[in-house]
Amino acid sequence: MKNFKNIKNIICLLLIAIGFVSCDYDNKLDEIVEPEVILPAATSGSADFSNYVAIGPSFTAGITDNGLFIAAQENSFPNILSKKFANAGGGDFIQPMVSDNYGGLALNGNRISAPRLVFGGAGPVPLEAVIGPVTVTTDIVLNNPTGPFNNLGVPGAQSADFITPGFGNIANLGAGANAYAVRMTGGTPDVTILELAVAQNPTFFTADLIGGNDVLGYATQGGDASRSAITPPAEFAVTFNTIIDGLTANGAKGAVTNTPYVNNLPYFTAVSYNPVPLDAATAAQLNAGYAAYNGGLQAAFQALAGTGLFTQEELDRRTINFTEGNNAVVMVDEYLTDLGAINPAFAGIPQFRQTKETDLITLPTASILPSGAGTATPLLDYSVLTFEEQQEIKVAVDAYNSTIESVAAAKGLAYVDVNQILIDAASTGIAFDEYFLNADLVFGGLVSLDGIHLTARGYAYMANAFLEAIDKTYGSNFGESGNFAKAGNYPTNFSPTLQMP
């Protein structure tokens, strides 16, 4: 009718122009109406989404802003996927919901982990720094939910933990058990997380970042293996095969992700290698404090000249020098030559140097720099991830990912390259509908305030990566049917007032 009306108006104008007729003319412009696009119904292809189970560490659980809270769980990528699967035959998806939007955990009324982080105006701060004290109500003794659960995401779990009996037994807390796993095991505290998944006879599963914490613990501890060691790739391969064999034993199809390089996360990139601004007087005062150390290095170099055991290059690298402006910080570096081992006369010379562009200072370290850490007092090994330690992580991750990709190919599983997503986010950024996401802390939109886990919008992007891989592998049509998550429906930041007393 609208097209006919437009034609009528044009004819009237022509007739008036040549004097044949006068017409009643409606001077109101008609709106242009875009033709309606009719999308096909969602189909599952060769997959069956009727009983979907998700297994993995913190990304699966939905950790955001260093906490697990109701809004974060609602926006976990498995929960987002389950809503899309529901349009193609998917069933109910039950998560082990926490009790509040504060985050944190309690043990019989005593807090064992803190509430979530929020934006404090300049950067991430604890929730209670903004709204005051809160009571953490998710208590692993008093109010655990009842399973079975479709979301078996366990924050902090390494690959072997998913097949370890007693990982969810509260009696083992402090000796290998995980408080989040305790909330899932119910009346069978020694059951493994994999057994909980297999017992549900899933028709479809996702297994994401199974090797993530196998390197992340080492990385967040600045490469201090005494605190957290990298899982040997051969051990990881056995564990990963065990997990996937269990999940596919009854014919279930699924999707897996690889493990990312942690150096693309803002936890390791938000603090620059030269984060300390100094005036000339303060720089001179610090140099005076390190004069004896520098003098000792010079003495050792002279004594060892010609031996090749202590080179000019290492002498230059270890010499401490502060200047006016932004300064690199002093750190302990275990990879430097132990001069005391060469000659006992130099046993008192520590392994100090200043950070370089290739070093990654961990995010929590920023809070102690104003107190003199890194200047008057050297940073310890666990505060900085050196280039050598980054290479150790890369070697392990490459080996893990080779295993994951080969197992996925052999089993015919969908494969999601989360590593490449984070590489792209850290380098060029990634487009998501009308938004542009990158790996910057706070304002990048992809990674949450803890510098490691994703925002709700980041998890939505991840869910779409799963759906795209599932379409490609199993012939479903989530993309064609308009069932991808929309960026604008998912926030990048949760208000401190999300839940007030």
Protein backbone atom coordinates (compact mmCIF):
# COMPACT_ATOMS: atom_id res chain seq x y z
CA MET A 1 0.00 0.00 0.00
CA LYS A 2 2.84 2.40 0.81
CA ASN A 3 4.43 1.86 -2.63
CA PHE A 4 1.07 2.48 -4.34
CA LYS A 5 0.63 5.70 -2.39
CA ASN A 6 4.06 6.93 -3.50
CA ILE A 7 3.23 6.19 -7.15
CA LYS A 8 -0.07 8.07 -6.80
CA ASN A 9 1.68 11.14 -5.41
CA ILE A 10 4.20 11.19 -8.26
CA ILE A 11 1.41 10.95 -10.90
CA CYS A 12 -0.48 13.80 -9.24
CA LEU A 13 2.59 16.03 -9.29
CA LEU A 14 3.08 15.37 -13.02
CA LEU A 15 -0.54 16.11 -13.84
CA ILE A 16 -0.46 19.37 -11.88
CA ALA A 17 2.72 20.38 -13.71
CA ILE A 18 1.07 20.10 -17.14
CA GLY A 19 -2.22 21.68 -15.96
CA PHE A 20 -4.52 18.74 -16.47
CA VAL A 21 -5.79 18.20 -12.96
CA SER A 22 -5.57 19.25 -9.34
CA CYS A 23 -5.00 16.58 -6.76
CA ASP A 24 -5.30 16.33 -3.02
CA TYR A 25 -1.65 15.74 -2.06
CA ASP A 26 -0.41 14.45 1.27
CA ASN A 27 2.80 16.41 1.93
CA LYS A 28 4.02 14.02 4.68
CA LEU A 29 7.08 11.98 3.71
CA ASP A 30 6.60 8.27 4.09
CA GLU A 31 9.17 6.37 6.11
CA ILE A 32 11.37 3.93 4.27
CA VAL A 33 10.68 0.46 5.59
CA GLU A 34 13.43 -2.11 5.38
CA PRO A 35 12.21 -5.43 4.04
CA GLU A 36 11.68 -7.99 6.75
CA VAL A 37 14.39 -10.65 6.86
CA ILE A 38 13.03 -14.04 7.71
CA LEU A 39 15.69 -16.22 9.31
CA PRO A 40 15.55 -20.00 9.29
CA ALA A 41 14.82 -21.88 12.48
CA ALA A 42 17.81 -23.07 14.49
CA THR A 43 18.87 -26.62 13.74
CA SER A 44 21.36 -28.85 15.56
CA GLY A 45 22.90 -30.61 12.56
CA SER A 46 24.50 -33.87 13.67
CA ALA A 47 24.82 -32.67 17.28
CA ASP A 48 22.36 -33.35 20.09
CA PHE A 49 22.10 -30.54 22.65
CA SER A 50 19.38 -32.13 24.79
CA ASN A 51 21.79 -32.77 27.70
CA TYR A 52 24.68 -30.31 27.66
CA VAL A 53 27.43 -30.49 30.31
CA ALA A 54 30.31 -28.02 30.65
CA ILE A 55 33.61 -28.90 32.32
CA GLY A 56 36.59 -26.63 32.87
CA PRO A 57 38.15 -24.16 35.30
CA SER A 58 37.21 -20.55 36.06
CA PHE A 59 36.10 -19.45 32.57
CA THR A 60 33.52 -22.24 32.61
CA ALA A 61 32.31 -21.21 36.06
CA GLY A 62 32.01 -17.58 34.94
CA ILE A 63 34.54 -15.92 37.25
CA THR A 64 34.56 -12.15 36.62
CA ASP A 65 36.29 -9.34 38.53
CA ASN A 66 38.06 -11.93 40.69
CA GLY A 67 34.81 -13.32 42.02
CA LEU A 68 31.96 -15.71 41.38
CA PHE A 69 28.60 -14.02 41.94
CA ILE A 70 25.08 -14.47 40.63
CA ALA A 71 25.32 -12.00 37.74
CA ALA A 72 28.65 -13.50 36.67
CA GLN A 73 27.21 -17.02 36.62
CA GLU A 74 24.23 -15.85 34.62
CA ASN A 75 26.68 -14.55 32.02
CA SER A 76 29.05 -17.53 32.02
CA PHE A 77 29.74 -18.66 28.48
CA PRO A 78 28.18 -22.13 29.10
CA ASN A 79 24.97 -20.50 30.32
CA ILE A 80 24.95 -18.25 27.24
CA LEU A 81 25.48 -21.33 25.06
CA SER A 82 22.69 -23.23 26.80
CA LYS A 83 20.19 -20.50 25.90
CA LYS A 84 21.21 -20.76 22.24
CA PHE A 85 21.15 -24.56 22.38
CA ALA A 86 17.59 -24.35 23.73
CA ASN A 87 16.54 -23.05 20.31
CA ALA A 88 17.88 -26.22 18.70
CA GLY A 89 16.60 -28.92 21.06
CA GLY A 90 18.66 -28.07 24.13
CA GLY A 91 17.36 -28.91 27.60
CA ASP A 92 17.69 -27.39 31.05
CA PHE A 93 21.07 -26.13 32.20
CA ILE A 94 21.64 -26.16 35.96
CA GLN A 95 24.50 -24.24 37.56
CA PRO A 96 25.72 -24.45 41.18
CA MET A 97 24.49 -20.94 41.93
CA VAL A 98 26.09 -18.87 44.67
CA SER A 99 24.00 -16.93 47.16
CA ASP A 100 24.76 -13.28 46.44
CA ASN A 101 26.21 -10.69 44.09
CA TYR A 102 29.07 -9.84 46.42
CA GLY A 103 31.23 -12.83 45.54
CA GLY A 104 33.56 -14.59 47.94
CA LEU A 105 33.10 -17.75 49.99
CA ALA A 106 32.59 -18.57 53.65
CA LEU A 107 33.30 -21.68 55.71
CA ASN A 108 30.76 -22.10 58.51
CA GLY A 109 30.37 -18.32 58.79
CA ASN A 110 34.07 -17.49 58.42
CA ARG A 111 35.17 -15.80 55.20
CA ILE A 112 37.71 -17.81 53.17
CA SER A 113 37.75 -15.69 50.01
CA ALA A 114 37.01 -12.02 49.46
CA PRO A 115 34.21 -10.32 47.51
CA ARG A 116 34.63 -9.19 43.91
CA LEU A 117 36.54 -6.22 42.55
CA VAL A 118 34.87 -3.05 41.27
CA PHE A 119 36.05 0.04 39.42
CA GLY A 120 37.14 2.63 41.95
CA GLY A 121 37.57 5.60 39.59
CA ALA A 122 41.25 5.09 38.88
CA GLY A 123 41.41 1.32 38.69
CA PRO A 124 40.21 -1.95 40.26
CA VAL A 125 39.54 -1.87 44.01
CA PRO A 126 37.89 -4.29 46.45
CA LEU A 127 34.10 -3.98 46.62
CA GLU A 128 34.21 -3.15 50.31
CA ALA A 129 36.49 -0.17 49.65
CA VAL A 130 33.51 1.42 47.89
CA ILE A 131 30.38 0.25 49.72
CA GLY A 132 31.78 -0.76 53.11
CA PRO A 133 31.71 -4.14 54.87
CA VAL A 134 29.47 -6.89 53.49
CA THR A 135 28.56 -10.37 54.66
CA VAL A 136 29.59 -13.11 52.27
CA THR A 137 26.62 -15.49 52.25
CA THR A 138 27.85 -18.32 50.01
CA ASP A 139 28.91 -20.82 52.67
CA ILE A 140 30.36 -24.21 51.68
CA VAL A 141 29.17 -25.71 54.97
CA LEU A 142 25.78 -24.09 55.43
CA ASN A 143 24.13 -23.69 52.03
CA ASN A 144 25.58 -25.78 49.21
CA PRO A 145 23.17 -26.27 46.26
CA THR A 146 21.88 -29.69 45.23
CA GLY A 147 23.02 -31.25 41.96
CA PRO A 148 23.44 -32.73 39.49
CA PHE A 149 24.88 -29.71 37.73
CA ASN A 150 25.36 -29.11 34.03
CA ASN A 151 28.00 -26.48 34.72
CA LEU A 152 30.98 -28.19 36.34
CA GLY A 153 33.34 -25.24 36.14
CA VAL A 154 35.81 -25.27 39.05
CA PRO A 155 37.83 -22.07 39.52
CA GLY A 156 41.50 -22.82 40.15
CA ALA A 157 41.38 -26.42 38.92
CA GLN A 158 44.38 -27.80 37.05
CA SER A 159 43.94 -30.58 34.51
CA ALA A 160 44.68 -33.45 36.93
CA ASP A 161 42.22 -32.06 39.48
CA PHE A 162 39.28 -33.06 37.28
CA ILE A 163 40.19 -36.74 37.69
CA THR A 164 41.41 -36.63 41.30
CA PRO A 165 39.16 -38.27 43.95
CA GLY A 166 38.53 -36.08 46.97
CA PHE A 167 39.07 -32.81 45.11
CA GLY A 168 35.61 -31.80 46.31
CA ASN A 169 35.80 -33.28 49.80
CA ILE A 170 35.60 -30.59 52.47
CA ALA A 171 37.70 -32.77 54.78
CA ASN A 172 40.60 -32.23 52.37
CA LEU A 173 40.53 -28.43 52.39
CA GLY A 174 44.07 -27.21 52.85
CA ALA A 175 45.38 -30.52 51.50
CA GLY A 176 44.38 -30.37 47.84
CA ALA A 177 40.59 -29.93 47.88
CA ASN A 178 38.87 -26.99 46.19
CA ALA A 179 36.12 -25.00 47.92
CA TYR A 180 34.15 -24.55 44.70
CA ALA A 181 34.34 -28.28 44.01
CA VAL A 182 32.97 -28.93 47.51
CA ARG A 183 29.78 -27.16 46.43
CA MET A 184 29.28 -29.73 43.64
CA THR A 185 30.03 -33.14 45.13
CA GLY A 186 27.16 -33.29 47.64
CA GLY A 187 26.69 -36.67 49.29
CA THR A 188 29.57 -38.21 47.31
CA PRO A 189 32.49 -36.04 48.44
CA ASP A 190 35.22 -38.23 46.92
CA VAL A 191 33.68 -38.42 43.45
CA THR A 192 35.79 -36.80 40.71
CA ILE A 193 34.55 -33.87 38.65
CA LEU A 194 34.85 -36.01 35.52
CA GLU A 195 32.70 -38.72 37.14
CA LEU A 196 30.04 -36.10 37.94
CA ALA A 197 30.02 -35.13 34.26
CA VAL A 198 29.97 -38.68 32.89
CA ALA A 199 27.23 -39.76 35.32
CA GLN A 200 24.85 -37.38 33.57
CA ASN A 201 25.36 -39.18 30.24
CA PRO A 202 25.75 -35.92 28.34
CA THR A 203 24.82 -35.71 24.68
CA PHE A 204 27.05 -32.66 24.22
CA PHE A 205 29.87 -31.13 26.23
CA THR A 206 32.34 -28.28 26.26
CA ALA A 207 35.79 -28.59 27.81
CA ASP A 208 37.59 -25.26 27.90
CA LEU A 209 41.05 -24.18 29.05
CA ILE A 210 41.72 -27.55 30.66
CA GLY A 211 45.44 -26.70 30.72
CA GLY A 212 45.04 -23.05 31.65
CA ASN A 213 45.80 -23.29 35.35
CA ASP A 214 48.62 -25.75 34.67
CA VAL A 215 50.68 -22.74 33.58
CA LEU A 216 48.74 -19.83 35.06
CA GLY A 217 49.73 -20.62 38.65
CA TYR A 218 53.40 -20.56 37.68
CA ALA A 219 52.88 -17.30 35.78
CA THR A 220 50.98 -15.43 38.50
CA GLN A 221 53.74 -16.42 40.95
CA GLY A 222 56.28 -14.75 38.68
CA GLY A 223 57.72 -18.06 37.55
CA ASP A 224 58.49 -19.21 41.10
CA ALA A 225 58.23 -22.99 40.72
CA SER A 226 58.50 -23.48 44.47
CA ARG A 227 55.05 -21.89 44.74
CA SER A 228 53.46 -23.38 41.63
CA ALA A 229 55.13 -25.52 38.99
CA ILE A 230 54.19 -26.05 35.35
CA THR A 231 52.54 -29.40 34.67
CA PRO A 232 54.88 -31.44 32.43
CA PRO A 233 53.35 -31.75 28.92
CA ALA A 234 53.52 -35.57 28.99
CA GLU A 235 51.43 -35.64 32.18
CA PHE A 236 48.97 -33.17 30.70
CA ALA A 237 48.57 -35.31 27.58
CA VAL A 238 47.61 -38.38 29.64
CA THR A 239 45.16 -36.36 31.73
CA PHE A 240 43.52 -34.60 28.77
CA ASN A 241 43.02 -37.87 26.91
CA THR A 242 41.47 -39.39 30.04
CA ILE A 243 39.01 -36.50 30.34
CA ILE A 244 37.96 -36.53 26.69
CA ASP A 245 37.75 -40.33 26.56
CA GLY A 246 35.41 -40.22 29.54
CA LEU A 247 33.20 -37.52 28.08
CA THR A 248 32.90 -39.21 24.67
CA ALA A 249 32.56 -42.81 25.92
CA ASN A 250 28.80 -42.88 25.29
CA GLY A 251 28.96 -41.12 21.95
CA ALA A 252 28.66 -37.51 23.10
CA LYS A 253 29.83 -34.81 20.74
CA GLY A 254 31.49 -31.66 22.02
CA ALA A 255 33.77 -28.68 21.67
CA VAL A 256 37.14 -27.96 23.24
CA THR A 257 39.44 -24.96 23.48
CA ASN A 258 43.18 -24.66 23.52
CA THR A 259 45.24 -22.91 26.21
CA PRO A 260 46.27 -19.24 25.80
CA TYR A 261 49.66 -17.63 26.25
CA VAL A 262 49.26 -15.84 29.55
CA ASN A 263 51.49 -12.92 28.54
CA ASN A 264 48.58 -11.48 26.53
CA LEU A 265 46.49 -10.96 29.69
CA PRO A 266 46.48 -7.52 31.36
CA TYR A 267 47.48 -9.17 34.66
CA PHE A 268 50.93 -9.25 33.07
CA THR A 269 50.81 -6.22 30.80
CA ALA A 270 49.02 -3.47 32.75
CA VAL A 271 52.13 -2.50 34.76
CA SER A 272 54.97 -1.17 32.61
CA TYR A 273 58.54 -2.33 33.10
CA ASN A 274 59.50 1.24 34.18
CA PRO A 275 56.61 2.23 36.43
CA VAL A 276 58.38 4.43 39.00
CA PRO A 277 58.68 8.21 38.37
CA LEU A 278 61.56 9.85 40.27
CA ASP A 279 62.89 13.36 40.67
CA ALA A 280 66.64 13.96 40.45
CA ALA A 281 67.17 14.14 44.20
CA THR A 282 65.40 10.85 44.91
CA ALA A 283 67.25 9.13 42.07
CA ALA A 284 70.58 10.31 43.49
CA GLN A 285 69.64 9.11 46.97
CA LEU A 286 68.77 5.65 45.65
CA ASN A 287 71.99 5.45 43.63
CA ALA A 288 73.94 6.19 46.79
CA GLY A 289 72.17 3.28 48.48
CA TYR A 290 73.24 0.89 45.70
CA ALA A 291 76.81 2.21 45.45
CA ALA A 292 78.25 -0.63 47.55
CA TYR A 293 76.41 -3.20 45.45
CA ASN A 294 77.67 -1.68 42.20
CA GLY A 295 81.19 -1.51 43.65
CA GLY A 296 81.07 -5.19 44.51
CA LEU A 297 80.09 -6.01 40.93
CA GLN A 298 83.05 -4.02 39.62
CA ALA A 299 85.42 -5.85 41.96
CA ALA A 300 84.07 -9.23 40.85
CA PHE A 301 84.37 -8.29 37.21
CA GLN A 302 88.00 -7.25 37.64
CA ALA A 303 88.84 -10.43 39.53
CA LEU A 304 87.16 -12.67 36.95
CA ALA A 305 88.44 -10.81 33.87
CA GLY A 306 89.49 -13.21 31.17
CA THR A 307 87.64 -16.20 32.59
CA GLY A 308 84.46 -15.66 30.58
CA LEU A 309 82.44 -16.38 33.73
CA PHE A 310 81.30 -12.79 34.27
CA THR A 311 80.99 -10.79 31.08
CA GLN A 312 80.79 -7.06 30.42
CA GLU A 313 77.25 -7.56 29.17
CA GLU A 314 76.17 -9.09 32.47
CA LEU A 315 77.99 -6.43 34.44
CA ASP A 316 76.09 -3.74 32.55
CA ARG A 317 72.80 -5.57 33.04
CA ARG A 318 73.30 -5.92 36.79
CA THR A 319 74.49 -2.38 37.48
CA ILE A 320 71.75 -0.35 39.21
CA ASN A 321 71.22 3.23 38.03
CA PHE A 322 68.23 5.49 38.68
CA THR A 323 67.62 8.71 36.76
CA GLU A 324 65.13 11.55 36.76
CA GLY A 325 61.91 10.40 35.06
CA ASN A 326 60.34 6.96 34.76
CA ASN A 327 62.54 4.16 36.08
CA ALA A 328 62.80 0.41 35.75
CA VAL A 329 62.57 -1.35 39.11
CA VAL A 330 65.14 -3.52 40.86
CA MET A 331 64.39 -7.25 40.96
CA VAL A 332 65.95 -10.54 42.00
CA ASP A 333 66.79 -12.64 38.95
CA GLU A 334 67.66 -16.29 39.52
CA TYR A 335 68.99 -16.55 35.95
CA LEU A 336 71.91 -14.24 36.72
CA THR A 337 75.30 -15.73 37.54
CA ASP A 338 75.71 -16.76 41.16
CA LEU A 339 79.04 -15.05 41.76
CA GLY A 340 79.45 -16.66 45.16
CA ALA A 341 79.37 -20.10 43.54
CA ILE A 342 82.31 -19.07 41.37
CA ASN A 343 84.30 -17.47 44.15
CA PRO A 344 83.26 -17.48 47.84
CA ALA A 345 84.73 -13.98 48.15
CA PHE A 346 81.74 -12.69 46.17
CA ALA A 347 79.06 -14.63 48.07
CA GLY A 348 77.58 -11.41 49.40
CA ILE A 349 76.73 -10.01 45.96
CA PRO A 350 73.02 -10.65 45.28
CA GLN A 351 71.46 -11.41 41.90
CA PHE A 352 69.94 -7.97 41.30
CA ARG A 353 69.14 -6.15 38.08
CA GLN A 354 66.62 -3.62 36.83
CA THR A 355 63.65 -4.71 34.77
CA LYS A 356 63.69 -4.64 30.97
CA GLU A 357 60.94 -4.28 28.36
CA THR A 358 60.79 -8.06 28.06
CA ASP A 359 59.93 -8.47 31.76
CA LEU A 360 56.31 -8.64 32.91
CA ILE A 361 55.51 -7.17 36.33
CA THR A 362 52.40 -8.79 37.81
CA LEU A 363 49.32 -6.65 38.45
CA PRO A 364 49.27 -6.98 42.29
CA THR A 365 52.83 -5.64 42.42
CA ALA A 366 51.56 -2.18 41.45
CA SER A 367 50.07 -1.77 44.94
CA ILE A 368 53.44 -2.15 46.69
CA LEU A 369 55.56 0.06 44.44
CA PRO A 370 54.63 3.31 46.26
CA SER A 371 56.03 1.84 49.50
CA GLY A 372 59.53 1.49 48.03
CA ALA A 373 59.30 -2.00 46.58
CA GLY A 374 61.40 -2.14 43.44
CA THR A 375 63.49 0.88 44.46
CA ALA A 376 64.74 0.83 48.04
CA THR A 377 63.81 -2.86 48.28
CA PRO A 378 64.21 -5.21 45.27
CA LEU A 379 61.17 -7.09 44.00
CA LEU A 380 61.29 -10.81 44.73
CA ASP A 381 61.11 -13.48 42.06
CA TYR A 382 57.34 -13.97 42.31
CA SER A 383 56.61 -10.36 41.33
CA VAL A 384 58.14 -10.45 37.86
CA LEU A 385 57.81 -12.90 34.99
CA THR A 386 61.11 -12.83 33.12
CA PHE A 387 61.60 -13.52 29.43
CA GLU A 388 63.13 -16.92 30.25
CA GLU A 389 60.08 -17.84 32.35
CA GLN A 390 57.75 -16.68 29.60
CA GLN A 391 59.56 -18.99 27.20
CA GLU A 392 59.11 -21.91 29.62
CA ILE A 393 55.37 -21.19 29.62
CA LYS A 394 55.24 -20.92 25.84
CA VAL A 395 56.97 -24.26 25.38
CA ALA A 396 54.47 -25.93 27.72
CA VAL A 397 51.43 -24.22 26.17
CA ASP A 398 52.51 -25.17 22.65
CA ALA A 399 52.84 -28.78 23.77
CA TYR A 400 49.44 -28.71 25.51
CA ASN A 401 47.79 -27.21 22.44
CA SER A 402 49.34 -29.78 20.15
CA THR A 403 47.74 -32.48 22.30
CA ILE A 404 44.38 -30.70 22.45
CA GLU A 405 44.21 -30.09 18.71
CA SER A 406 45.20 -33.65 17.83
CA VAL A 407 42.66 -35.15 20.25
CA ALA A 408 39.94 -32.86 18.91
CA ALA A 409 40.73 -33.91 15.34
CA ALA A 410 40.81 -37.62 16.23
CA LYS A 411 37.49 -37.40 18.08
CA GLY A 412 35.80 -35.12 15.54
CA LEU A 413 35.24 -32.37 18.12
CA ALA A 414 34.74 -28.68 17.47
CA TYR A 415 37.91 -26.72 18.25
CA VAL A 416 38.02 -23.13 19.52
CA ASP A 417 41.30 -21.21 19.31
CA VAL A 418 41.04 -19.09 22.46
CA ASN A 419 44.77 -18.48 22.28
CA GLN A 420 44.38 -16.64 18.97
CA ILE A 421 41.46 -14.62 20.32
CA LEU A 422 43.65 -13.26 23.11
CA ILE A 423 46.57 -12.68 20.75
CA ASP A 424 44.32 -10.65 18.46
CA ALA A 425 42.79 -8.74 21.38
CA ALA A 426 46.23 -7.81 22.70
CA SER A 427 47.63 -6.77 19.32
CA THR A 428 44.97 -5.30 17.02
CA GLY A 429 41.77 -5.63 19.05
CA ILE A 430 38.64 -7.50 17.91
CA ALA A 431 35.29 -6.29 16.59
CA PHE A 432 32.13 -7.55 18.29
CA ASP A 433 28.99 -6.15 16.66
CA GLU A 434 29.22 -2.35 17.05
CA TYR A 435 31.87 -2.62 19.78
CA PHE A 436 35.64 -2.95 19.67
CA LEU A 437 37.30 -5.07 22.33
CA ASN A 438 40.95 -5.24 23.35
CA ALA A 439 43.01 -6.66 26.20
CA ASP A 440 43.52 -3.40 28.11
CA LEU A 441 42.70 -3.45 31.80
CA VAL A 442 39.40 -1.78 32.83
CA PHE A 443 38.51 -0.15 29.50
CA GLY A 444 39.35 -2.87 26.97
CA GLY A 445 35.94 -4.52 27.31
CA LEU A 446 37.18 -8.11 26.97
CA VAL A 447 39.05 -8.85 30.22
CA SER A 448 37.57 -8.06 33.62
CA LEU A 449 39.05 -6.09 36.50
CA ASP A 450 41.20 -8.96 37.77
CA GLY A 451 43.25 -8.89 34.57
CA ILE A 452 42.72 -12.60 33.84
CA HIS A 453 39.05 -13.54 33.52
CA LEU A 454 36.63 -12.19 30.95
CA THR A 455 33.84 -9.65 31.24
CA ALA A 456 30.27 -10.72 30.53
CA ARG A 457 30.71 -9.29 27.02
CA GLY A 458 33.97 -11.21 26.70
CA TYR A 459 32.20 -14.45 27.63
CA ALA A 460 29.50 -13.67 25.06
CA TYR A 461 32.21 -13.28 22.42
CA MET A 462 33.67 -16.60 23.54
CA ALA A 463 30.24 -18.24 23.33
CA ASN A 464 29.96 -17.06 19.72
CA ALA A 465 33.36 -18.55 18.95
CA PHE A 466 32.00 -21.87 20.25
CA LEU A 467 28.83 -21.55 18.18
CA GLU A 468 30.83 -20.76 15.04
CA ALA A 469 33.05 -23.81 15.59
CA ILE A 470 30.01 -26.00 16.32
CA ASP A 471 28.30 -24.84 13.11
CA LYS A 472 31.44 -25.68 11.15
CA THR A 473 31.95 -29.10 12.72
CA TYR A 474 28.41 -30.43 13.15
CA GLY A 475 26.40 -28.59 10.51
CA SER A 476 24.19 -26.64 12.92
CA ASN A 477 23.09 -23.16 11.87
CA PHE A 478 23.35 -20.89 14.91
CA GLY A 479 24.98 -18.19 12.83
CA GLU A 480 22.59 -18.38 9.88
CA SER A 481 19.55 -18.48 12.16
CA GLY A 482 20.59 -15.33 14.06
CA ASN A 483 21.38 -17.16 17.28
CA PHE A 484 24.73 -15.58 18.05
CA ALA A 485 24.94 -13.57 21.27
CA LYS A 486 24.60 -9.80 20.80
CA ALA A 487 27.34 -7.67 22.35
CA GLY A 488 24.97 -4.97 23.58
CA ASN A 489 23.12 -7.46 25.79
CA TYR A 490 26.18 -8.09 27.95
CA PRO A 491 27.92 -5.54 30.22
CA THR A 492 31.63 -4.95 30.64
CA ASN A 493 31.35 -3.61 34.18
CA PHE A 494 29.14 -4.40 37.18
CA SER A 495 28.14 -1.59 39.52
CA PRO A 496 29.27 -1.69 43.16
CA THR A 497 25.59 -1.30 44.04
CA LEU A 498 24.58 -4.45 42.16
CA GLN A 499 23.58 -5.83 45.55
CA MET A 500 23.47 -3.67 48.64
CA PRO A 501 22.41 -4.73 52.14
